[in-house]
Amino acid sequence: MRVFAAAAVLLGLPALALAPACAEPRIQSERFDDWYYRCVTPDAGKGQASPKPQCEVVQIAQAKQGQETVNVLTISVSENVHENKKAAVITILAPQNVYLPGGLGLSIDQQSKLSLHYRNCNNAGCWIQHTLDNKTLETLKSGQDGFASIHLIKGQNLNIKFSLKGFKEAYNALQSGKYAKKP
């Protein structure tokens, strides 16, 4: 299966899932090789202060299925603040029909394997959210390729390779606190 980084797709990405359905969000993105640094700012309602942008670095892995190109994995990293500490959080959107108890295996350059558990599934797919420790984050920044191992409900294994080219630069842009440049 040939997998490659896709152009930013607006449907189904984690930051957009947080935007109110009734508002038209403003989206700014900047490309760093195979990764995008994106900020989504929902429009404020009448008389409300402008909401703070929600930013992330994201990549969508796609594959050819017959004549169609389909999204097989969306990987996003954002920063959460919990108890006055910043933490990097990875959010992964996997396809439906995964074997939930099997979880998802994530490795960088065939090393540093994590076993991640699904949080929930909905019409968009099955979601994983995991706080990254500093060692894993540094491995992502210095790595060349990421690999996701998914067990499907029918017993098949799906191995998805994705590029880490540009991740470090995109994550550094996220950490800078500046919002993505291009609308």
N, C-alpha and C. Protein backbone atom coordinates (compact mmCIF):
# COMPACT_ATOMS: atom_id res chain seq x y z
N MET A 1 0.84 -1.17 0.00
CA MET A 1 0.00 0.00 0.00
C MET A 1 0.89 1.24 0.00
N ARG A 2 0.69 2.09 -0.93
CA ARG A 2 1.49 3.32 -1.03
C ARG A 2 0.78 4.40 -0.23
N VAL A 3 1.48 5.01 0.68
CA VAL A 3 0.90 6.03 1.54
C VAL A 3 1.71 7.31 1.37
N PHE A 4 1.03 8.42 1.33
CA PHE A 4 1.74 9.68 1.20
C PHE A 4 0.99 10.77 1.96
N ALA A 5 1.66 11.87 2.18
CA ALA A 5 1.04 12.99 2.89
C ALA A 5 0.11 13.72 1.95
N ALA A 6 -1.03 14.10 2.44
CA ALA A 6 -2.03 14.76 1.61
C ALA A 6 -2.05 16.25 1.88
N ALA A 7 -2.68 16.97 0.98
CA ALA A 7 -2.92 18.39 1.22
C ALA A 7 -3.91 18.50 2.37
N ALA A 8 -3.92 19.61 3.05
CA ALA A 8 -4.81 19.78 4.20
C ALA A 8 -6.26 19.61 3.76
N VAL A 9 -6.95 18.73 4.43
CA VAL A 9 -8.35 18.49 4.15
C VAL A 9 -9.13 19.02 5.34
N LEU A 10 -10.17 19.75 5.09
CA LEU A 10 -10.85 20.43 6.16
C LEU A 10 -11.82 19.56 6.95
N LEU A 11 -12.19 18.44 6.44
CA LEU A 11 -13.19 17.61 7.10
C LEU A 11 -12.54 16.58 8.00
N GLY A 12 -12.96 16.51 9.23
CA GLY A 12 -12.56 15.43 10.11
C GLY A 12 -11.26 15.65 10.87
N LEU A 13 -10.69 16.83 10.86
CA LEU A 13 -9.46 17.05 11.61
C LEU A 13 -9.79 17.50 13.02
N PRO A 14 -8.96 17.15 13.99
CA PRO A 14 -9.27 17.40 15.39
C PRO A 14 -9.62 18.84 15.74
N ALA A 15 -8.87 19.83 15.27
CA ALA A 15 -9.17 21.21 15.65
C ALA A 15 -10.53 21.65 15.14
N LEU A 16 -10.91 21.18 13.96
CA LEU A 16 -12.22 21.55 13.43
C LEU A 16 -13.34 20.91 14.21
N ALA A 17 -13.08 19.76 14.79
CA ALA A 17 -14.11 19.08 15.56
C ALA A 17 -14.49 19.90 16.79
N LEU A 18 -13.59 20.78 17.23
CA LEU A 18 -13.85 21.59 18.40
C LEU A 18 -14.58 22.88 18.07
N ALA A 19 -14.62 23.26 16.80
CA ALA A 19 -15.25 24.52 16.40
C ALA A 19 -16.77 24.38 16.43
N PRO A 20 -17.48 25.40 16.90
CA PRO A 20 -18.93 25.32 16.92
C PRO A 20 -19.50 25.13 15.52
N ALA A 21 -20.51 24.30 15.41
CA ALA A 21 -21.09 23.97 14.11
C ALA A 21 -21.74 25.18 13.45
N CYS A 22 -22.23 26.13 14.23
CA CYS A 22 -22.96 27.25 13.65
C CYS A 22 -22.04 28.36 13.15
N ALA A 23 -20.78 28.35 13.54
CA ALA A 23 -19.87 29.42 13.15
C ALA A 23 -19.00 28.97 11.98
N GLU A 24 -18.62 29.93 11.16
CA GLU A 24 -17.69 29.67 10.06
C GLU A 24 -16.28 29.93 10.58
N PRO A 25 -15.48 28.88 10.75
CA PRO A 25 -14.14 29.09 11.29
C PRO A 25 -13.21 29.70 10.26
N ARG A 26 -12.23 30.47 10.76
CA ARG A 26 -11.15 30.96 9.92
C ARG A 26 -10.00 29.97 10.07
N ILE A 27 -9.48 29.54 8.95
CA ILE A 27 -8.42 28.54 8.97
C ILE A 27 -7.17 29.14 8.33
N GLN A 28 -6.08 29.04 9.05
CA GLN A 28 -4.79 29.45 8.52
C GLN A 28 -3.87 28.25 8.60
N SER A 29 -3.08 28.04 7.55
CA SER A 29 -2.17 26.90 7.59
C SER A 29 -0.86 27.26 6.91
N GLU A 30 0.16 26.56 7.33
CA GLU A 30 1.49 26.73 6.76
C GLU A 30 2.08 25.33 6.59
N ARG A 31 2.64 25.08 5.42
CA ARG A 31 3.17 23.74 5.13
C ARG A 31 4.65 23.67 5.46
N PHE A 32 5.01 22.57 6.12
CA PHE A 32 6.40 22.24 6.42
C PHE A 32 6.64 20.84 5.87
N ASP A 33 7.10 20.74 4.64
CA ASP A 33 7.28 19.47 3.95
C ASP A 33 6.00 18.66 4.00
N ASP A 34 5.97 17.54 4.75
CA ASP A 34 4.80 16.66 4.75
C ASP A 34 3.82 16.95 5.88
N TRP A 35 4.07 18.00 6.66
CA TRP A 35 3.21 18.36 7.78
C TRP A 35 2.65 19.76 7.58
N TYR A 36 1.50 20.02 8.17
CA TYR A 36 0.89 21.33 8.16
C TYR A 36 0.76 21.83 9.58
N TYR A 37 1.03 23.11 9.76
CA TYR A 37 0.75 23.80 11.01
C TYR A 37 -0.53 24.58 10.75
N ARG A 38 -1.60 24.24 11.47
CA ARG A 38 -2.91 24.85 11.21
C ARG A 38 -3.47 25.48 12.47
N CYS A 39 -4.12 26.59 12.26
CA CYS A 39 -4.85 27.25 13.34
C CYS A 39 -6.27 27.50 12.86
N VAL A 40 -7.23 27.15 13.70
CA VAL A 40 -8.64 27.34 13.40
C VAL A 40 -9.18 28.31 14.43
N THR A 41 -9.79 29.40 13.95
CA THR A 41 -10.39 30.38 14.84
C THR A 41 -11.89 30.46 14.53
N PRO A 42 -12.72 29.97 15.43
CA PRO A 42 -14.17 30.09 15.20
C PRO A 42 -14.58 31.56 15.26
N ASP A 43 -15.58 31.93 14.47
CA ASP A 43 -16.10 33.28 14.55
C ASP A 43 -16.79 33.48 15.89
N ALA A 44 -16.63 34.66 16.44
CA ALA A 44 -17.29 34.98 17.70
C ALA A 44 -18.74 35.33 17.43
N GLY A 45 -19.57 35.00 18.37
CA GLY A 45 -20.98 35.38 18.27
C GLY A 45 -21.11 36.87 18.55
N LYS A 46 -22.28 37.40 18.29
CA LYS A 46 -22.51 38.83 18.53
C LYS A 46 -22.25 39.17 19.99
N GLY A 47 -21.45 40.21 20.19
CA GLY A 47 -21.16 40.69 21.53
C GLY A 47 -20.16 39.84 22.30
N GLN A 48 -19.58 38.84 21.67
CA GLN A 48 -18.61 37.99 22.35
C GLN A 48 -17.20 38.34 21.92
N ALA A 49 -16.26 38.11 22.81
CA ALA A 49 -14.85 38.33 22.49
C ALA A 49 -14.42 37.29 21.46
N SER A 50 -13.45 37.65 20.64
CA SER A 50 -12.95 36.74 19.63
C SER A 50 -12.28 35.53 20.31
N PRO A 51 -12.69 34.32 19.93
CA PRO A 51 -12.10 33.13 20.55
C PRO A 51 -10.63 32.96 20.18
N LYS A 52 -9.89 32.31 21.04
CA LYS A 52 -8.48 32.04 20.80
C LYS A 52 -8.37 30.93 19.75
N PRO A 53 -7.45 31.07 18.80
CA PRO A 53 -7.26 30.02 17.79
C PRO A 53 -6.83 28.69 18.44
N GLN A 54 -7.27 27.61 17.84
CA GLN A 54 -6.86 26.27 18.25
C GLN A 54 -5.88 25.80 17.19
N CYS A 55 -4.65 25.50 17.61
CA CYS A 55 -3.59 25.19 16.64
C CYS A 55 -3.09 23.76 16.82
N GLU A 56 -2.59 23.20 15.73
CA GLU A 56 -2.08 21.83 15.72
C GLU A 56 -1.13 21.67 14.55
N VAL A 57 -0.33 20.59 14.60
CA VAL A 57 0.41 20.15 13.43
C VAL A 57 -0.27 18.87 12.99
N VAL A 58 -0.42 18.70 11.67
CA VAL A 58 -1.26 17.60 11.19
C VAL A 58 -0.74 17.03 9.88
N GLN A 59 -0.98 15.73 9.70
CA GLN A 59 -0.71 15.06 8.44
C GLN A 59 -1.82 14.04 8.21
N ILE A 60 -2.23 13.91 6.97
CA ILE A 60 -3.23 12.91 6.60
C ILE A 60 -2.55 11.91 5.68
N ALA A 61 -2.52 10.66 6.11
CA ALA A 61 -1.96 9.59 5.28
C ALA A 61 -3.09 9.05 4.42
N GLN A 62 -2.82 8.89 3.14
CA GLN A 62 -3.82 8.41 2.20
C GLN A 62 -3.26 7.21 1.43
N ALA A 63 -4.17 6.45 0.85
CA ALA A 63 -3.79 5.30 0.04
C ALA A 63 -4.76 5.18 -1.12
N LYS A 64 -4.29 4.55 -2.19
CA LYS A 64 -5.15 4.25 -3.34
C LYS A 64 -5.96 3.02 -3.02
N GLN A 65 -7.27 3.10 -3.24
CA GLN A 65 -8.15 1.95 -3.10
C GLN A 65 -8.92 1.87 -4.41
N GLY A 66 -8.42 1.03 -5.32
CA GLY A 66 -8.97 1.02 -6.68
C GLY A 66 -8.58 2.32 -7.36
N GLN A 67 -9.56 3.04 -7.87
CA GLN A 67 -9.31 4.34 -8.52
C GLN A 67 -9.41 5.50 -7.53
N GLU A 68 -9.88 5.23 -6.32
CA GLU A 68 -10.10 6.29 -5.33
C GLU A 68 -8.91 6.44 -4.40
N THR A 69 -8.69 7.66 -3.95
CA THR A 69 -7.72 7.93 -2.89
C THR A 69 -8.52 8.12 -1.61
N VAL A 70 -8.17 7.36 -0.58
CA VAL A 70 -8.92 7.43 0.68
C VAL A 70 -7.99 7.80 1.83
N ASN A 71 -8.54 8.52 2.79
CA ASN A 71 -7.80 8.83 4.01
C ASN A 71 -7.73 7.58 4.87
N VAL A 72 -6.54 7.20 5.29
CA VAL A 72 -6.41 6.02 6.13
C VAL A 72 -5.98 6.36 7.56
N LEU A 73 -5.41 7.55 7.76
CA LEU A 73 -4.97 7.92 9.08
C LEU A 73 -4.75 9.43 9.13
N THR A 74 -5.27 10.06 10.16
CA THR A 74 -4.99 11.48 10.40
C THR A 74 -4.24 11.56 11.72
N ILE A 75 -3.09 12.20 11.69
CA ILE A 75 -2.24 12.33 12.87
C ILE A 75 -2.11 13.82 13.17
N SER A 76 -2.39 14.19 14.40
CA SER A 76 -2.26 15.58 14.78
C SER A 76 -1.60 15.68 16.15
N VAL A 77 -0.78 16.70 16.32
CA VAL A 77 -0.16 16.96 17.62
C VAL A 77 -0.48 18.40 17.99
N SER A 78 -0.97 18.57 19.21
CA SER A 78 -1.29 19.91 19.72
C SER A 78 -0.72 20.01 21.13
N GLU A 79 -0.86 21.19 21.72
CA GLU A 79 -0.41 21.38 23.09
C GLU A 79 -1.61 21.64 23.98
N ASN A 80 -1.66 20.95 25.08
CA ASN A 80 -2.69 21.16 26.10
C ASN A 80 -2.03 21.73 27.33
N VAL A 81 -2.75 22.55 28.04
CA VAL A 81 -2.25 23.05 29.32
C VAL A 81 -3.10 22.40 30.40
N HIS A 82 -2.45 21.68 31.30
CA HIS A 82 -3.14 21.02 32.41
C HIS A 82 -2.35 21.31 33.68
N GLU A 83 -3.00 21.90 34.67
CA GLU A 83 -2.36 22.26 35.93
C GLU A 83 -1.11 23.10 35.68
N ASN A 84 -1.25 24.11 34.82
CA ASN A 84 -0.18 25.06 34.47
C ASN A 84 1.04 24.42 33.81
N LYS A 85 0.89 23.21 33.28
CA LYS A 85 1.98 22.56 32.56
C LYS A 85 1.52 22.30 31.14
N LYS A 86 2.41 22.62 30.16
CA LYS A 86 2.12 22.32 28.76
C LYS A 86 2.50 20.87 28.48
N ALA A 87 1.66 20.22 27.71
CA ALA A 87 1.95 18.84 27.32
C ALA A 87 1.57 18.66 25.86
N ALA A 88 2.40 17.92 25.15
CA ALA A 88 2.10 17.58 23.76
C ALA A 88 1.12 16.41 23.76
N VAL A 89 0.06 16.55 22.97
CA VAL A 89 -0.96 15.51 22.88
C VAL A 89 -1.09 15.09 21.42
N ILE A 90 -0.98 13.79 21.18
CA ILE A 90 -1.19 13.27 19.83
C ILE A 90 -2.62 12.78 19.74
N THR A 91 -3.27 13.15 18.65
CA THR A 91 -4.62 12.68 18.35
C THR A 91 -4.55 11.95 17.02
N ILE A 92 -5.06 10.75 16.98
CA ILE A 92 -5.03 9.94 15.77
C ILE A 92 -6.46 9.55 15.42
N LEU A 93 -6.81 9.75 14.17
CA LEU A 93 -8.10 9.31 13.66
C LEU A 93 -7.84 8.14 12.73
N ALA A 94 -8.27 6.96 13.15
CA ALA A 94 -8.10 5.73 12.38
C ALA A 94 -9.43 5.40 11.69
N PRO A 95 -9.38 4.53 10.69
CA PRO A 95 -10.63 4.17 10.01
C PRO A 95 -11.57 3.38 10.92
N GLN A 96 -12.81 3.28 10.50
CA GLN A 96 -13.78 2.45 11.21
C GLN A 96 -13.44 0.98 10.98
N ASN A 97 -14.14 0.12 11.66
CA ASN A 97 -13.97 -1.34 11.55
C ASN A 97 -12.62 -1.82 12.04
N VAL A 98 -12.08 -1.11 13.04
CA VAL A 98 -10.86 -1.58 13.68
C VAL A 98 -11.25 -2.48 14.85
N TYR A 99 -10.34 -3.37 15.23
CA TYR A 99 -10.54 -4.23 16.38
C TYR A 99 -10.14 -3.43 17.61
N LEU A 100 -11.12 -2.90 18.33
CA LEU A 100 -10.86 -1.96 19.41
C LEU A 100 -9.94 -2.49 20.51
N PRO A 101 -10.12 -3.74 20.98
CA PRO A 101 -9.20 -4.22 22.03
C PRO A 101 -7.74 -4.32 21.56
N GLY A 102 -7.50 -4.43 20.26
CA GLY A 102 -6.14 -4.52 19.74
C GLY A 102 -5.38 -3.21 19.80
N GLY A 103 -6.07 -2.08 19.94
CA GLY A 103 -5.42 -0.79 19.98
C GLY A 103 -4.66 -0.49 18.69
N LEU A 104 -3.79 0.49 18.76
CA LEU A 104 -2.98 0.91 17.62
C LEU A 104 -1.53 0.94 18.08
N GLY A 105 -0.64 0.34 17.31
CA GLY A 105 0.79 0.40 17.60
C GLY A 105 1.40 1.56 16.83
N LEU A 106 2.17 2.37 17.50
CA LEU A 106 2.83 3.52 16.87
C LEU A 106 4.32 3.40 17.11
N SER A 107 5.10 3.47 16.03
CA SER A 107 6.56 3.44 16.19
C SER A 107 7.19 4.47 15.27
N ILE A 108 8.39 4.87 15.64
CA ILE A 108 9.15 5.84 14.88
C ILE A 108 10.44 5.16 14.44
N ASP A 109 10.70 5.16 13.12
CA ASP A 109 11.89 4.53 12.56
C ASP A 109 12.08 3.10 13.08
N GLN A 110 10.99 2.36 13.15
CA GLN A 110 10.98 0.95 13.59
C GLN A 110 11.45 0.77 15.02
N GLN A 111 11.43 1.84 15.82
CA GLN A 111 11.82 1.78 17.23
C GLN A 111 10.75 2.47 18.05
N SER A 112 10.98 2.59 19.33
CA SER A 112 10.14 3.40 20.21
C SER A 112 8.65 3.12 20.01
N LYS A 113 8.24 1.88 20.18
CA LYS A 113 6.85 1.50 19.94
C LYS A 113 5.95 1.84 21.12
N LEU A 114 4.82 2.46 20.80
CA LEU A 114 3.78 2.75 21.79
C LEU A 114 2.55 1.92 21.47
N SER A 115 1.89 1.44 22.49
CA SER A 115 0.60 0.77 22.31
C SER A 115 -0.47 1.74 22.80
N LEU A 116 -1.29 2.21 21.87
CA LEU A 116 -2.29 3.23 22.19
C LEU A 116 -3.69 2.62 22.16
N HIS A 117 -4.55 3.12 23.03
CA HIS A 117 -5.91 2.62 23.13
C HIS A 117 -6.89 3.61 22.50
N TYR A 118 -7.91 3.07 21.86
CA TYR A 118 -8.94 3.92 21.25
C TYR A 118 -9.78 4.58 22.34
N ARG A 119 -10.10 5.85 22.13
CA ARG A 119 -10.94 6.60 23.06
C ARG A 119 -12.40 6.41 22.74
N ASN A 120 -12.74 6.57 21.45
CA ASN A 120 -14.12 6.41 21.00
C ASN A 120 -14.15 6.31 19.48
N CYS A 121 -15.28 5.89 18.97
CA CYS A 121 -15.49 5.84 17.52
C CYS A 121 -16.76 6.62 17.21
N ASN A 122 -16.79 7.24 16.03
CA ASN A 122 -18.00 7.92 15.55
C ASN A 122 -18.02 7.80 14.03
N ASN A 123 -18.86 8.57 13.37
CA ASN A 123 -18.97 8.47 11.91
C ASN A 123 -17.68 8.80 11.19
N ALA A 124 -16.80 9.60 11.80
CA ALA A 124 -15.53 9.98 11.17
C ALA A 124 -14.50 8.86 11.26
N GLY A 125 -14.59 8.01 12.28
CA GLY A 125 -13.62 6.93 12.48
C GLY A 125 -13.41 6.69 13.95
N CYS A 126 -12.29 6.08 14.30
CA CYS A 126 -11.97 5.77 15.69
C CYS A 126 -10.82 6.66 16.17
N TRP A 127 -11.00 7.23 17.34
CA TRP A 127 -10.11 8.27 17.85
C TRP A 127 -9.20 7.74 18.96
N ILE A 128 -7.97 8.21 18.93
CA ILE A 128 -6.99 7.95 19.98
C ILE A 128 -6.47 9.31 20.42
N GLN A 129 -6.31 9.48 21.72
CA GLN A 129 -5.67 10.68 22.24
C GLN A 129 -4.70 10.24 23.32
N HIS A 130 -3.46 10.73 23.23
CA HIS A 130 -2.42 10.27 24.13
C HIS A 130 -1.44 11.42 24.40
N THR A 131 -1.11 11.64 25.67
CA THR A 131 -0.11 12.64 26.03
C THR A 131 1.27 12.05 25.76
N LEU A 132 2.08 12.82 25.03
CA LEU A 132 3.43 12.36 24.67
C LEU A 132 4.43 12.76 25.73
N ASP A 133 5.30 11.83 26.10
CA ASP A 133 6.39 12.20 27.00
C ASP A 133 7.49 12.88 26.17
N ASN A 134 8.43 13.53 26.84
CA ASN A 134 9.49 14.27 26.13
C ASN A 134 10.32 13.38 25.24
N LYS A 135 10.61 12.16 25.67
CA LYS A 135 11.44 11.25 24.88
C LYS A 135 10.75 10.91 23.56
N THR A 136 9.46 10.59 23.61
CA THR A 136 8.72 10.26 22.39
C THR A 136 8.61 11.48 21.48
N LEU A 137 8.38 12.64 22.06
CA LEU A 137 8.29 13.87 21.26
C LEU A 137 9.62 14.14 20.56
N GLU A 138 10.72 13.99 21.25
CA GLU A 138 12.04 14.20 20.64
C GLU A 138 12.31 13.16 19.55
N THR A 139 11.85 11.93 19.76
CA THR A 139 12.01 10.90 18.74
C THR A 139 11.21 11.24 17.49
N LEU A 140 10.01 11.78 17.67
CA LEU A 140 9.20 12.23 16.53
C LEU A 140 9.93 13.34 15.76
N LYS A 141 10.52 14.28 16.50
CA LYS A 141 11.21 15.41 15.87
C LYS A 141 12.43 14.97 15.08
N SER A 142 13.12 13.94 15.55
CA SER A 142 14.35 13.53 14.88
C SER A 142 14.14 12.36 13.92
N GLY A 143 12.96 11.78 13.91
CA GLY A 143 12.70 10.60 13.09
C GLY A 143 12.51 10.90 11.61
N GLN A 144 12.57 9.85 10.82
CA GLN A 144 12.34 9.94 9.38
C GLN A 144 10.95 9.45 8.99
N ASP A 145 10.55 8.32 9.59
CA ASP A 145 9.27 7.71 9.24
C ASP A 145 8.54 7.24 10.48
N GLY A 146 7.22 7.36 10.45
CA GLY A 146 6.37 6.82 11.49
C GLY A 146 5.61 5.64 10.93
N PHE A 147 5.21 4.74 11.81
CA PHE A 147 4.48 3.55 11.40
C PHE A 147 3.33 3.33 12.37
N ALA A 148 2.15 3.09 11.84
CA ALA A 148 0.98 2.76 12.65
C ALA A 148 0.52 1.37 12.27
N SER A 149 0.31 0.53 13.28
CA SER A 149 -0.18 -0.83 13.07
C SER A 149 -1.59 -0.91 13.61
N ILE A 150 -2.52 -1.24 12.74
CA ILE A 150 -3.93 -1.29 13.11
C ILE A 150 -4.44 -2.70 12.85
N HIS A 151 -5.20 -3.23 13.78
CA HIS A 151 -5.84 -4.53 13.62
C HIS A 151 -7.29 -4.29 13.19
N LEU A 152 -7.67 -4.84 12.07
CA LEU A 152 -9.03 -4.66 11.58
C LEU A 152 -9.94 -5.75 12.16
N ILE A 153 -11.22 -5.46 12.19
CA ILE A 153 -12.21 -6.36 12.79
C ILE A 153 -12.24 -7.72 12.10
N LYS A 154 -11.90 -7.78 10.81
CA LYS A 154 -11.92 -9.04 10.06
C LYS A 154 -10.63 -9.83 10.23
N GLY A 155 -9.76 -9.40 11.13
CA GLY A 155 -8.53 -10.15 11.41
C GLY A 155 -7.32 -9.71 10.63
N GLN A 156 -7.48 -8.77 9.70
CA GLN A 156 -6.32 -8.30 8.94
C GLN A 156 -5.55 -7.26 9.74
N ASN A 157 -4.27 -7.16 9.41
CA ASN A 157 -3.44 -6.11 9.98
C ASN A 157 -3.17 -5.07 8.91
N LEU A 158 -3.27 -3.83 9.28
CA LEU A 158 -3.03 -2.72 8.38
C LEU A 158 -1.82 -1.95 8.92
N ASN A 159 -0.75 -1.89 8.14
CA ASN A 159 0.46 -1.16 8.53
C ASN A 159 0.56 0.08 7.66
N ILE A 160 0.57 1.22 8.31
CA ILE A 160 0.56 2.51 7.61
C ILE A 160 1.85 3.25 7.91
N LYS A 161 2.56 3.59 6.86
CA LYS A 161 3.79 4.36 7.00
C LYS A 161 3.46 5.82 6.71
N PHE A 162 4.00 6.72 7.53
CA PHE A 162 3.82 8.15 7.28
C PHE A 162 5.15 8.86 7.50
N SER A 163 5.32 9.95 6.82
CA SER A 163 6.57 10.70 6.85
C SER A 163 6.64 11.62 8.06
N LEU A 164 7.83 11.76 8.61
CA LEU A 164 8.07 12.74 9.68
C LEU A 164 8.84 13.95 9.15
N LYS A 165 9.03 14.01 7.84
CA LYS A 165 9.74 15.13 7.23
C LYS A 165 8.93 16.41 7.43
N GLY A 166 9.52 17.37 8.13
CA GLY A 166 8.86 18.64 8.40
C GLY A 166 8.16 18.69 9.75
N PHE A 167 8.07 17.56 10.45
CA PHE A 167 7.38 17.56 11.75
C PHE A 167 8.06 18.51 12.73
N LYS A 168 9.38 18.41 12.84
CA LYS A 168 10.13 19.23 13.80
C LYS A 168 9.87 20.72 13.56
N GLU A 169 9.94 21.15 12.31
CA GLU A 169 9.74 22.57 11.99
C GLU A 169 8.29 23.00 12.26
N ALA A 170 7.34 22.14 11.92
CA ALA A 170 5.93 22.45 12.18
C ALA A 170 5.67 22.53 13.67
N TYR A 171 6.23 21.60 14.43
CA TYR A 171 6.03 21.61 15.89
C TYR A 171 6.70 22.83 16.52
N ASN A 172 7.87 23.21 16.02
CA ASN A 172 8.52 24.42 16.52
C ASN A 172 7.66 25.65 16.27
N ALA A 173 6.98 25.69 15.11
CA ALA A 173 6.06 26.80 14.82
C ALA A 173 4.90 26.79 15.80
N LEU A 174 4.38 25.63 16.12
CA LEU A 174 3.30 25.52 17.11
C LEU A 174 3.77 26.03 18.46
N GLN A 175 4.95 25.63 18.87
CA GLN A 175 5.47 26.06 20.17
C GLN A 175 5.78 27.55 20.24
N SER A 176 6.02 28.16 19.08
CA SER A 176 6.35 29.59 19.06
C SER A 176 5.18 30.45 19.53
N GLY A 177 3.98 29.90 19.46
CA GLY A 177 2.80 30.67 19.87
C GLY A 177 2.27 31.59 18.79
N LYS A 178 2.99 31.67 17.67
CA LYS A 178 2.50 32.49 16.55
C LYS A 178 1.53 31.65 15.75
N TYR A 179 0.55 32.30 15.19
CA TYR A 179 -0.45 31.58 14.44
C TYR A 179 0.04 31.34 13.02
N ALA A 180 -0.46 30.29 12.41
CA ALA A 180 -0.09 29.97 11.03
C ALA A 180 -0.29 31.18 10.15
N LYS A 181 0.56 31.30 9.12
CA LYS A 181 0.61 32.52 8.31
C LYS A 181 -0.44 32.62 7.21
N LYS A 182 -0.69 31.56 6.49
CA LYS A 182 -1.49 31.67 5.26
C LYS A 182 -2.95 31.32 5.50
N PRO A 183 -3.86 32.17 5.02
CA PRO A 183 -5.29 31.84 5.17
C PRO A 183 -5.69 30.71 4.25
